[in-house]
Amino acid sequence: MRTQGCSARNQVGLTGLSYDDIGRTYTATRSADPRIAGAIWQALGTARSVINVGAGAGAYEPPHCHVTAVEPSEIMIRQRGALTAPVVNARAEDLPFADGSFDVAMAILSDHHWSDRGRGFQELRRVARERVVVFNADPGESDLFWLTREYLPGFLDLIPPRYRERGVWERELREAFGRVELVPVPIPHDCTDGFYGAFWRRPEAYLNPAVRRGISVFAQLSRDEITRGLRRLAADLESGRWAAMHGDLKAMSELHLGYYLVVARLSAEL
């Protein structure tokens, strides 16, 4: 299997951005991909109660569990549908719940936005009785994705230096939770959740402003870098250079982009 990089992004707190700034049209291009959702829900095991930290507009919340959502952005909370879980306005680093309040704590494409990742992980462990489930990309693999490497190299500068080293994210997870299982989650070529790596086989999508508005990294890069990179991408698509370099991707139905499902079992399970 050919591998590409991930969409590990900087913590928003380090750039002064929040989803109150960048999340106003989030649901236009971001919705749960059913294949990724299935993997996440399976990882929840037999949980009856789940806290979803950094819940956003409610994607990936399991319908078979009692879910409590935690989200700090009022803009994102307003985009939650009528059928989504009840939501508490709070941050991952300071969850307003007693120890062991939930069977499982989950964080989906969320921890890269926390101001203190380690503290957030400690809070997930504190409020969970049985498991912690995290889905995100390893920031140490960010330089493998063709979009970052060839068109938006400034993305790497957004990642805090300590996370650029491979294995740091995993070590932090193990320090917080003890034994963890990291399961690679390949991204389908027609992924319906428009995060940074979702369009690995549809490069023209990155030229669409509506798509970019749903991807936080484009709000953090400088306008000059984005303009230069997208001009090169557009030219390479028109000339056939991109196809010559990456045409083998067109034959692939899914691709490992550095995304992992992390499962930490906190108690002995039947």
C-alpha atoms as a PDB file:
ATOM      1  CA  MET A   1       0.000   0.000   0.000  1.00  0.00           C
ATOM      2  CA  ARG A   2       1.300   3.417  -0.908  1.00  0.00           C
ATOM      3  CA  THR A   3       1.133   5.890   1.969  1.00  0.00           C
ATOM      4  CA  GLN A   4       0.581   9.612   2.016  1.00  0.00           C
ATOM      5  CA  GLY A   5       0.734  12.010   4.899  1.00  0.00           C
ATOM      6  CA  CYS A   6      -1.910  13.183   7.286  1.00  0.00           C
ATOM      7  CA  SER A   7      -3.778  16.328   8.030  1.00  0.00           C
ATOM      8  CA  ALA A   8      -2.264  17.038  11.422  1.00  0.00           C
ATOM      9  CA  ARG A   9      -2.816  20.680  12.110  1.00  0.00           C
ATOM     10  CA  ASN A  10      -1.684  23.142  14.704  1.00  0.00           C
ATOM     11  CA  GLN A  11      -3.598  23.731  17.874  1.00  0.00           C
ATOM     12  CA  VAL A  12      -5.889  26.682  17.143  1.00  0.00           C
ATOM     13  CA  GLY A  13      -5.105  28.247  20.478  1.00  0.00           C
ATOM     14  CA  LEU A  14      -1.568  28.934  19.268  1.00  0.00           C
ATOM     15  CA  THR A  15      -2.784  30.987  16.314  1.00  0.00           C
ATOM     16  CA  GLY A  16      -5.555  32.965  17.958  1.00  0.00           C
ATOM     17  CA  LEU A  17      -8.190  31.275  15.787  1.00  0.00           C
ATOM     18  CA  SER A  18     -11.260  29.420  16.956  1.00  0.00           C
ATOM     19  CA  TYR A  19     -14.238  27.848  15.277  1.00  0.00           C
ATOM     20  CA  ASP A  20     -16.182  31.001  16.137  1.00  0.00           C
ATOM     21  CA  ASP A  21     -13.916  32.527  13.483  1.00  0.00           C
ATOM     22  CA  ILE A  22     -13.578  29.711  10.954  1.00  0.00           C
ATOM     23  CA  GLY A  23     -16.584  27.438  11.472  1.00  0.00           C
ATOM     24  CA  ARG A  24     -19.451  29.529  10.131  1.00  0.00           C
ATOM     25  CA  THR A  25     -20.067  27.368   7.043  1.00  0.00           C
ATOM     26  CA  TYR A  26     -18.669  24.139   8.469  1.00  0.00           C
ATOM     27  CA  THR A  27     -21.626  21.885   7.768  1.00  0.00           C
ATOM     28  CA  ALA A  28     -21.682  22.793   4.062  1.00  0.00           C
ATOM     29  CA  THR A  29     -18.773  20.411   3.384  1.00  0.00           C
ATOM     30  CA  ARG A  30     -18.334  18.448   6.607  1.00  0.00           C
ATOM     31  CA  SER A  31     -20.506  15.474   7.444  1.00  0.00           C
ATOM     32  CA  ALA A  32     -19.765  12.038   8.836  1.00  0.00           C
ATOM     33  CA  ASP A  33     -18.364   9.545   6.360  1.00  0.00           C
ATOM     34  CA  PRO A  34     -20.292   6.299   7.028  1.00  0.00           C
ATOM     35  CA  ARG A  35     -17.206   4.086   6.729  1.00  0.00           C
ATOM     36  CA  ILE A  36     -15.218   6.136   9.212  1.00  0.00           C
ATOM     37  CA  ALA A  37     -18.273   6.396  11.450  1.00  0.00           C
ATOM     38  CA  GLY A  38     -18.629   2.608  11.437  1.00  0.00           C
ATOM     39  CA  ALA A  39     -15.042   2.157  12.587  1.00  0.00           C
ATOM     40  CA  ILE A  40     -15.484   4.715  15.369  1.00  0.00           C
ATOM     41  CA  TRP A  41     -18.762   3.242  16.604  1.00  0.00           C
ATOM     42  CA  GLN A  42     -17.302  -0.258  16.640  1.00  0.00           C
ATOM     43  CA  ALA A  43     -14.430   1.030  18.784  1.00  0.00           C
ATOM     44  CA  LEU A  44     -16.925   2.277  21.378  1.00  0.00           C
ATOM     45  CA  GLY A  45     -17.654  -1.328  22.296  1.00  0.00           C
ATOM     46  CA  THR A  46     -20.700  -1.855  24.513  1.00  0.00           C
ATOM     47  CA  ALA A  47     -20.773   1.712  25.831  1.00  0.00           C
ATOM     48  CA  ARG A  48     -24.118   3.070  26.939  1.00  0.00           C
ATOM     49  CA  SER A  49     -22.965   6.586  27.842  1.00  0.00           C
ATOM     50  CA  VAL A  50     -20.460   8.593  25.788  1.00  0.00           C
ATOM     51  CA  ILE A  51     -18.991  12.071  26.099  1.00  0.00           C
ATOM     52  CA  ASN A  52     -18.027  13.566  22.738  1.00  0.00           C
ATOM     53  CA  VAL A  53     -15.331  16.187  23.318  1.00  0.00           C
ATOM     54  CA  GLY A  54     -14.872  18.836  20.661  1.00  0.00           C
ATOM     55  CA  ALA A  55     -18.169  17.663  19.216  1.00  0.00           C
ATOM     56  CA  GLY A  56     -18.625  20.393  16.624  1.00  0.00           C
ATOM     57  CA  ALA A  57     -21.862  20.086  14.690  1.00  0.00           C
ATOM     58  CA  GLY A  58     -22.456  16.518  15.855  1.00  0.00           C
ATOM     59  CA  ALA A  59     -20.870  14.333  13.189  1.00  0.00           C
ATOM     60  CA  TYR A  60     -19.879  10.824  14.320  1.00  0.00           C
ATOM     61  CA  GLU A  61     -22.072  10.838  17.429  1.00  0.00           C
ATOM     62  CA  PRO A  62     -23.277   7.233  17.852  1.00  0.00           C
ATOM     63  CA  PRO A  63     -27.063   6.820  17.580  1.00  0.00           C
ATOM     64  CA  HIS A  64     -27.067   3.755  19.828  1.00  0.00           C
ATOM     65  CA  CYS A  65     -25.599   5.498  22.895  1.00  0.00           C
ATOM     66  CA  HIS A  66     -26.629   8.245  25.283  1.00  0.00           C
ATOM     67  CA  VAL A  67     -24.267  11.021  24.190  1.00  0.00           C
ATOM     68  CA  THR A  68     -23.291  14.231  25.949  1.00  0.00           C
ATOM     69  CA  ALA A  69     -21.534  16.661  23.617  1.00  0.00           C
ATOM     70  CA  VAL A  70     -18.889  19.184  24.682  1.00  0.00           C
ATOM     71  CA  GLU A  71     -18.116  22.082  22.357  1.00  0.00           C
ATOM     72  CA  PRO A  72     -16.507  25.486  23.106  1.00  0.00           C
ATOM     73  CA  SER A  73     -17.668  27.312  19.955  1.00  0.00           C
ATOM     74  CA  GLU A  74     -21.093  28.931  19.920  1.00  0.00           C
ATOM     75  CA  ILE A  75     -20.962  29.045  16.123  1.00  0.00           C
ATOM     76  CA  MET A  76     -20.539  25.282  15.967  1.00  0.00           C
ATOM     77  CA  ILE A  77     -23.239  24.704  18.571  1.00  0.00           C
ATOM     78  CA  ARG A  78     -25.709  26.675  16.453  1.00  0.00           C
ATOM     79  CA  GLN A  79     -25.049  24.333  13.531  1.00  0.00           C
ATOM     80  CA  ARG A  80     -26.025  21.234  15.476  1.00  0.00           C
ATOM     81  CA  GLY A  81     -29.191  19.619  14.178  1.00  0.00           C
ATOM     82  CA  ALA A  82     -32.351  19.026  16.167  1.00  0.00           C
ATOM     83  CA  LEU A  83     -31.554  15.318  16.538  1.00  0.00           C
ATOM     84  CA  THR A  84     -28.006  15.724  17.840  1.00  0.00           C
ATOM     85  CA  ALA A  85     -27.021  15.130  21.447  1.00  0.00           C
ATOM     86  CA  PRO A  86     -27.441  17.740  24.188  1.00  0.00           C
ATOM     87  CA  VAL A  87     -24.379  19.980  24.272  1.00  0.00           C
ATOM     88  CA  VAL A  88     -22.384  21.672  27.031  1.00  0.00           C
ATOM     89  CA  ASN A  89     -20.280  24.726  26.238  1.00  0.00           C
ATOM     90  CA  ALA A  90     -16.895  23.756  27.675  1.00  0.00           C
ATOM     91  CA  ARG A  91     -13.320  22.926  26.731  1.00  0.00           C
ATOM     92  CA  ALA A  92     -11.469  19.626  26.649  1.00  0.00           C
ATOM     93  CA  GLU A  93      -8.894  20.879  29.135  1.00  0.00           C
ATOM     94  CA  ASP A  94     -11.518  21.517  31.846  1.00  0.00           C
ATOM     95  CA  LEU A  95     -14.476  19.164  31.525  1.00  0.00           C
ATOM     96  CA  PRO A  96     -17.287  20.035  33.982  1.00  0.00           C
ATOM     97  CA  PHE A  97     -18.054  16.434  34.968  1.00  0.00           C
ATOM     98  CA  ALA A  98     -17.134  14.210  37.879  1.00  0.00           C
ATOM     99  CA  ASP A  99     -14.584  11.421  37.596  1.00  0.00           C
ATOM    100  CA  GLY A 100     -15.886   8.367  35.772  1.00  0.00           C
ATOM    101  CA  SER A 101     -19.113  10.008  34.610  1.00  0.00           C
ATOM    102  CA  PHE A 102     -19.221   8.165  31.265  1.00  0.00           C
ATOM    103  CA  ASP A 103     -18.513   4.706  29.927  1.00  0.00           C
ATOM    104  CA  VAL A 104     -16.457   6.132  27.054  1.00  0.00           C
ATOM    105  CA  ALA A 105     -14.871   9.493  26.216  1.00  0.00           C
ATOM    106  CA  MET A 106     -14.328  10.179  22.536  1.00  0.00           C
ATOM    107  CA  ALA A 107     -12.628  12.955  20.576  1.00  0.00           C
ATOM    108  CA  ILE A 108     -12.965  12.960  16.793  1.00  0.00           C
ATOM    109  CA  LEU A 109     -10.706  15.188  14.678  1.00  0.00           C
ATOM    110  CA  SER A 110     -10.526  17.429  17.708  1.00  0.00           C
ATOM    111  CA  ASP A 111      -7.352  17.163  19.775  1.00  0.00           C
ATOM    112  CA  HIS A 112      -5.221  19.189  17.320  1.00  0.00           C
ATOM    113  CA  HIS A 113      -7.350  22.224  18.230  1.00  0.00           C
ATOM    114  CA  TRP A 114      -6.925  22.025  21.996  1.00  0.00           C
ATOM    115  CA  SER A 115      -4.740  24.611  23.699  1.00  0.00           C
ATOM    116  CA  ASP A 116      -3.147  21.898  25.874  1.00  0.00           C
ATOM    117  CA  ARG A 117      -3.288  18.466  24.271  1.00  0.00           C
ATOM    118  CA  GLY A 118      -1.812  16.612  27.221  1.00  0.00           C
ATOM    119  CA  ARG A 119      -4.240  18.186  29.661  1.00  0.00           C
ATOM    120  CA  GLY A 120      -7.148  17.361  27.353  1.00  0.00           C
ATOM    121  CA  PHE A 121      -6.107  13.711  27.196  1.00  0.00           C
ATOM    122  CA  GLN A 122      -5.897  13.602  30.997  1.00  0.00           C
ATOM    123  CA  GLU A 123      -9.433  14.955  31.206  1.00  0.00           C
ATOM    124  CA  LEU A 124     -10.727  12.312  28.792  1.00  0.00           C
ATOM    125  CA  ARG A 125      -9.233   9.613  30.993  1.00  0.00           C
ATOM    126  CA  ARG A 126     -10.598  11.197  34.157  1.00  0.00           C
ATOM    127  CA  VAL A 127     -14.246  11.251  33.066  1.00  0.00           C
ATOM    128  CA  ALA A 128     -14.247   7.825  31.340  1.00  0.00           C
ATOM    129  CA  ARG A 129     -14.823   4.540  33.158  1.00  0.00           C
ATOM    130  CA  GLU A 130     -14.075   2.008  30.422  1.00  0.00           C
ATOM    131  CA  ARG A 131     -12.494   3.446  27.281  1.00  0.00           C
ATOM    132  CA  VAL A 132     -11.146   6.478  25.505  1.00  0.00           C
ATOM    133  CA  VAL A 133     -11.517   6.604  21.715  1.00  0.00           C
ATOM    134  CA  VAL A 134      -9.647   9.181  19.626  1.00  0.00           C
ATOM    135  CA  PHE A 135      -9.677   9.597  15.862  1.00  0.00           C
ATOM    136  CA  ASN A 136      -7.114  11.899  14.300  1.00  0.00           C
ATOM    137  CA  ALA A 137      -3.896  12.036  12.328  1.00  0.00           C
ATOM    138  CA  ASP A 138      -0.357  11.679  13.646  1.00  0.00           C
ATOM    139  CA  PRO A 139       1.242  15.110  13.140  1.00  0.00           C
ATOM    140  CA  GLY A 140       4.626  13.459  12.767  1.00  0.00           C
ATOM    141  CA  GLU A 141       3.516  12.111   9.370  1.00  0.00           C
ATOM    142  CA  SER A 142       2.336  15.420   7.942  1.00  0.00           C
ATOM    143  CA  ASP A 143       5.114  15.801   5.396  1.00  0.00           C
ATOM    144  CA  LEU A 144       3.982  12.722   3.456  1.00  0.00           C
ATOM    145  CA  PHE A 145       0.807  14.181   1.949  1.00  0.00           C
ATOM    146  CA  TRP A 146       1.388  15.487  -1.583  1.00  0.00           C
ATOM    147  CA  LEU A 147      -0.649  18.652  -0.985  1.00  0.00           C
ATOM    148  CA  THR A 148       1.497  19.660   1.967  1.00  0.00           C
ATOM    149  CA  ARG A 149       4.822  18.561   0.553  1.00  0.00           C
ATOM    150  CA  GLU A 150       4.455  20.011  -2.941  1.00  0.00           C
ATOM    151  CA  TYR A 151       2.048  22.920  -2.636  1.00  0.00           C
ATOM    152  CA  LEU A 152       1.563  24.059   0.984  1.00  0.00           C
ATOM    153  CA  PRO A 153       4.865  23.409   2.807  1.00  0.00           C
ATOM    154  CA  GLY A 154       4.105  26.222   5.247  1.00  0.00           C
ATOM    155  CA  PHE A 155       1.594  23.859   6.800  1.00  0.00           C
ATOM    156  CA  LEU A 156       4.491  22.110   8.533  1.00  0.00           C
ATOM    157  CA  ASP A 157       5.367  25.361  10.303  1.00  0.00           C
ATOM    158  CA  LEU A 158       1.909  25.392  11.884  1.00  0.00           C
ATOM    159  CA  ILE A 159       2.677  22.192  13.775  1.00  0.00           C
ATOM    160  CA  PRO A 160       4.304  22.787  17.163  1.00  0.00           C
ATOM    161  CA  PRO A 161       7.952  21.660  16.838  1.00  0.00           C
ATOM    162  CA  ARG A 162       7.670  18.837  19.377  1.00  0.00           C
ATOM    163  CA  TYR A 163       4.913  17.179  17.349  1.00  0.00           C
ATOM    164  CA  ARG A 164       6.881  17.157  14.089  1.00  0.00           C
ATOM    165  CA  GLU A 165       8.934  14.220  15.332  1.00  0.00           C
ATOM    166  CA  ARG A 166       7.365  10.882  14.534  1.00  0.00           C
ATOM    167  CA  GLY A 167       6.126   8.992  17.542  1.00  0.00           C
ATOM    168  CA  VAL A 168       5.593  11.990  19.838  1.00  0.00           C
ATOM    169  CA  TRP A 169       1.811  11.921  19.479  1.00  0.00           C
ATOM    170  CA  GLU A 170       1.741   8.194  20.213  1.00  0.00           C
ATOM    171  CA  ARG A 171       4.022   8.610  23.232  1.00  0.00           C
ATOM    172  CA  GLU A 172       1.757  11.341  24.573  1.00  0.00           C
ATOM    173  CA  LEU A 173      -1.250   9.080  24.142  1.00  0.00           C
ATOM    174  CA  ARG A 174       0.505   6.277  26.026  1.00  0.00           C
ATOM    175  CA  GLU A 175       1.571   8.648  28.812  1.00  0.00           C
ATOM    176  CA  ALA A 176      -2.044   9.760  29.237  1.00  0.00           C
ATOM    177  CA  PHE A 177      -3.860   6.444  28.855  1.00  0.00           C
ATOM    178  CA  GLY A 178      -1.342   3.659  29.380  1.00  0.00           C
ATOM    179  CA  ARG A 179      -1.697   0.873  26.861  1.00  0.00           C
ATOM    180  CA  VAL A 180      -3.365   2.038  23.656  1.00  0.00           C
ATOM    181  CA  GLU A 181      -4.178   0.416  20.335  1.00  0.00           C
ATOM    182  CA  LEU A 182      -3.551   2.497  17.212  1.00  0.00           C
ATOM    183  CA  VAL A 183      -5.478   1.231  14.198  1.00  0.00           C
ATOM    184  CA  PRO A 184      -4.769   2.875  10.813  1.00  0.00           C
ATOM    185  CA  VAL A 185      -7.949   4.138   9.157  1.00  0.00           C
ATOM    186  CA  PRO A 186      -7.557   4.414   5.378  1.00  0.00           C
ATOM    187  CA  ILE A 187      -9.462   7.295   3.811  1.00  0.00           C
ATOM    188  CA  PRO A 188     -11.894   6.321   1.034  1.00  0.00           C
ATOM    189  CA  HIS A 189     -11.459   8.045  -2.322  1.00  0.00           C
ATOM    190  CA  ASP A 190     -14.993   9.448  -2.115  1.00  0.00           C
ATOM    191  CA  CYS A 191     -14.875  10.427   1.542  1.00  0.00           C
ATOM    192  CA  THR A 192     -17.928  12.527   2.399  1.00  0.00           C
ATOM    193  CA  ASP A 193     -16.268  14.346   5.295  1.00  0.00           C
ATOM    194  CA  GLY A 194     -14.288  17.151   3.695  1.00  0.00           C
ATOM    195  CA  PHE A 195     -11.310  17.355   6.041  1.00  0.00           C
ATOM    196  CA  TYR A 196      -7.817  18.195   4.812  1.00  0.00           C
ATOM    197  CA  GLY A 197      -6.850  14.764   3.538  1.00  0.00           C
ATOM    198  CA  ALA A 198     -10.269  13.744   2.227  1.00  0.00           C
ATOM    199  CA  PHE A 199      -9.660  14.822  -1.382  1.00  0.00           C
ATOM    200  CA  TRP A 200      -6.413  12.948  -1.955  1.00  0.00           C
ATOM    201  CA  ARG A 201      -7.806  11.529  -5.232  1.00  0.00           C
ATOM    202  CA  ARG A 202      -9.825  14.642  -6.131  1.00  0.00           C
ATOM    203  CA  PRO A 203      -7.176  17.385  -6.204  1.00  0.00           C
ATOM    204  CA  GLU A 204      -9.380  19.856  -8.049  1.00  0.00           C
ATOM    205  CA  ALA A 205     -11.552  20.068  -4.919  1.00  0.00           C
ATOM    206  CA  TYR A 206      -8.863  22.108  -3.162  1.00  0.00           C
ATOM    207  CA  LEU A 207      -9.394  24.868  -5.740  1.00  0.00           C
ATOM    208  CA  ASN A 208     -12.987  25.281  -4.523  1.00  0.00           C
ATOM    209  CA  PRO A 209     -13.327  28.068  -1.917  1.00  0.00           C
ATOM    210  CA  ALA A 210     -16.343  26.339  -0.345  1.00  0.00           C
ATOM    211  CA  VAL A 211     -14.249  23.228   0.298  1.00  0.00           C
ATOM    212  CA  ARG A 212     -11.398  25.265   1.748  1.00  0.00           C
ATOM    213  CA  ARG A 213     -13.739  27.067   4.147  1.00  0.00           C
ATOM    214  CA  GLY A 214     -14.427  23.736   5.835  1.00  0.00           C
ATOM    215  CA  ILE A 215     -10.712  22.982   6.382  1.00  0.00           C
ATOM    216  CA  SER A 216      -9.132  24.833   9.294  1.00  0.00           C
ATOM    217  CA  VAL A 217      -5.592  24.771   7.927  1.00  0.00           C
ATOM    218  CA  PHE A 218      -6.568  27.199   5.161  1.00  0.00           C
ATOM    219  CA  ALA A 219      -7.572  29.733   7.805  1.00  0.00           C
ATOM    220  CA  GLN A 220      -4.146  29.447   9.419  1.00  0.00           C
ATOM    221  CA  LEU A 221      -1.865  29.656   6.390  1.00  0.00           C
ATOM    222  CA  SER A 222      -0.977  33.040   4.952  1.00  0.00           C
ATOM    223  CA  ARG A 223      -2.998  34.247   1.990  1.00  0.00           C
ATOM    224  CA  ASP A 224       0.198  34.500  -0.085  1.00  0.00           C
ATOM    225  CA  GLU A 225       1.135  30.880   0.529  1.00  0.00           C
ATOM    226  CA  ILE A 226      -2.340  29.652  -0.303  1.00  0.00           C
ATOM    227  CA  THR A 227      -2.464  31.712  -3.487  1.00  0.00           C
ATOM    228  CA  ARG A 228       0.953  30.507  -4.654  1.00  0.00           C
ATOM    229  CA  GLY A 229       0.265  26.892  -3.826  1.00  0.00           C
ATOM    230  CA  LEU A 230      -3.149  26.746  -5.448  1.00  0.00           C
ATOM    231  CA  ARG A 231      -1.893  28.481  -8.570  1.00  0.00           C
ATOM    232  CA  ARG A 232       0.776  25.796  -8.916  1.00  0.00           C
ATOM    233  CA  LEU A 233      -1.792  23.082  -8.322  1.00  0.00           C
ATOM    234  CA  ALA A 234      -4.169  24.525 -10.916  1.00  0.00           C
ATOM    235  CA  ALA A 235      -1.359  24.784 -13.445  1.00  0.00           C
ATOM    236  CA  ASP A 236      -0.199  21.238 -12.755  1.00  0.00           C
ATOM    237  CA  LEU A 237      -3.723  19.889 -13.168  1.00  0.00           C
ATOM    238  CA  GLU A 238      -4.151  21.732 -16.464  1.00  0.00           C
ATOM    239  CA  SER A 239      -0.769  20.681 -17.824  1.00  0.00           C
ATOM    240  CA  GLY A 240      -1.094  17.060 -16.725  1.00  0.00           C
ATOM    241  CA  ARG A 241       1.929  17.283 -14.429  1.00  0.00           C
ATOM    242  CA  TRP A 242      -0.093  16.315 -11.340  1.00  0.00           C
ATOM    243  CA  ALA A 243      -1.500  13.269 -13.141  1.00  0.00           C
ATOM    244  CA  ALA A 244       1.979  12.270 -14.280  1.00  0.00           C
ATOM    245  CA  MET A 245       3.272  12.430 -10.700  1.00  0.00           C
ATOM    246  CA  HIS A 246       0.270  10.968  -8.896  1.00  0.00           C
ATOM    247  CA  GLY A 247      -1.744   9.154 -11.526  1.00  0.00           C
ATOM    248  CA  ASP A 248      -1.411   5.871  -9.637  1.00  0.00           C
ATOM    249  CA  LEU A 249      -3.750   7.302  -6.983  1.00  0.00           C
ATOM    250  CA  LYS A 250      -6.612   7.240  -9.486  1.00  0.00           C
ATOM    251  CA  ALA A 251      -6.580   3.436  -9.360  1.00  0.00           C
ATOM    252  CA  MET A 252      -6.854   3.284  -5.566  1.00  0.00           C
ATOM    253  CA  SER A 253     -10.126   3.101  -3.671  1.00  0.00           C
ATOM    254  CA  GLU A 254      -8.659   4.052  -0.299  1.00  0.00           C
ATOM    255  CA  LEU A 255      -5.381   5.362   1.045  1.00  0.00           C
ATOM    256  CA  HIS A 256      -3.603   5.499   4.367  1.00  0.00           C
ATOM    257  CA  LEU A 257      -3.065   9.186   5.109  1.00  0.00           C
ATOM    258  CA  GLY A 258      -1.713   8.919   8.627  1.00  0.00           C
ATOM    259  CA  TYR A 259      -5.108   8.820  10.326  1.00  0.00           C
ATOM    260  CA  TYR A 260      -5.519   6.469  13.281  1.00  0.00           C
ATOM    261  CA  LEU A 261      -8.250   5.233  15.537  1.00  0.00           C
ATOM    262  CA  VAL A 262      -6.864   5.163  19.060  1.00  0.00           C
ATOM    263  CA  VAL A 263      -8.522   2.911  21.619  1.00  0.00           C
ATOM    264  CA  ALA A 264      -7.456   2.971  25.270  1.00  0.00           C
ATOM    265  CA  ARG A 265      -9.099   0.360  27.504  1.00  0.00           C
ATOM    266  CA  LEU A 266      -9.150   1.720  31.028  1.00  0.00           C
ATOM    267  CA  SER A 267     -10.777  -1.230  32.810  1.00  0.00           C
ATOM    268  CA  ALA A 268     -11.048  -4.972  32.445  1.00  0.00           C
ATOM    269  CA  GLU A 269     -13.905  -5.737  30.065  1.00  0.00           C
ATOM    270  CA  LEU A 270     -16.019  -8.850  29.840  1.00  0.00           C
END
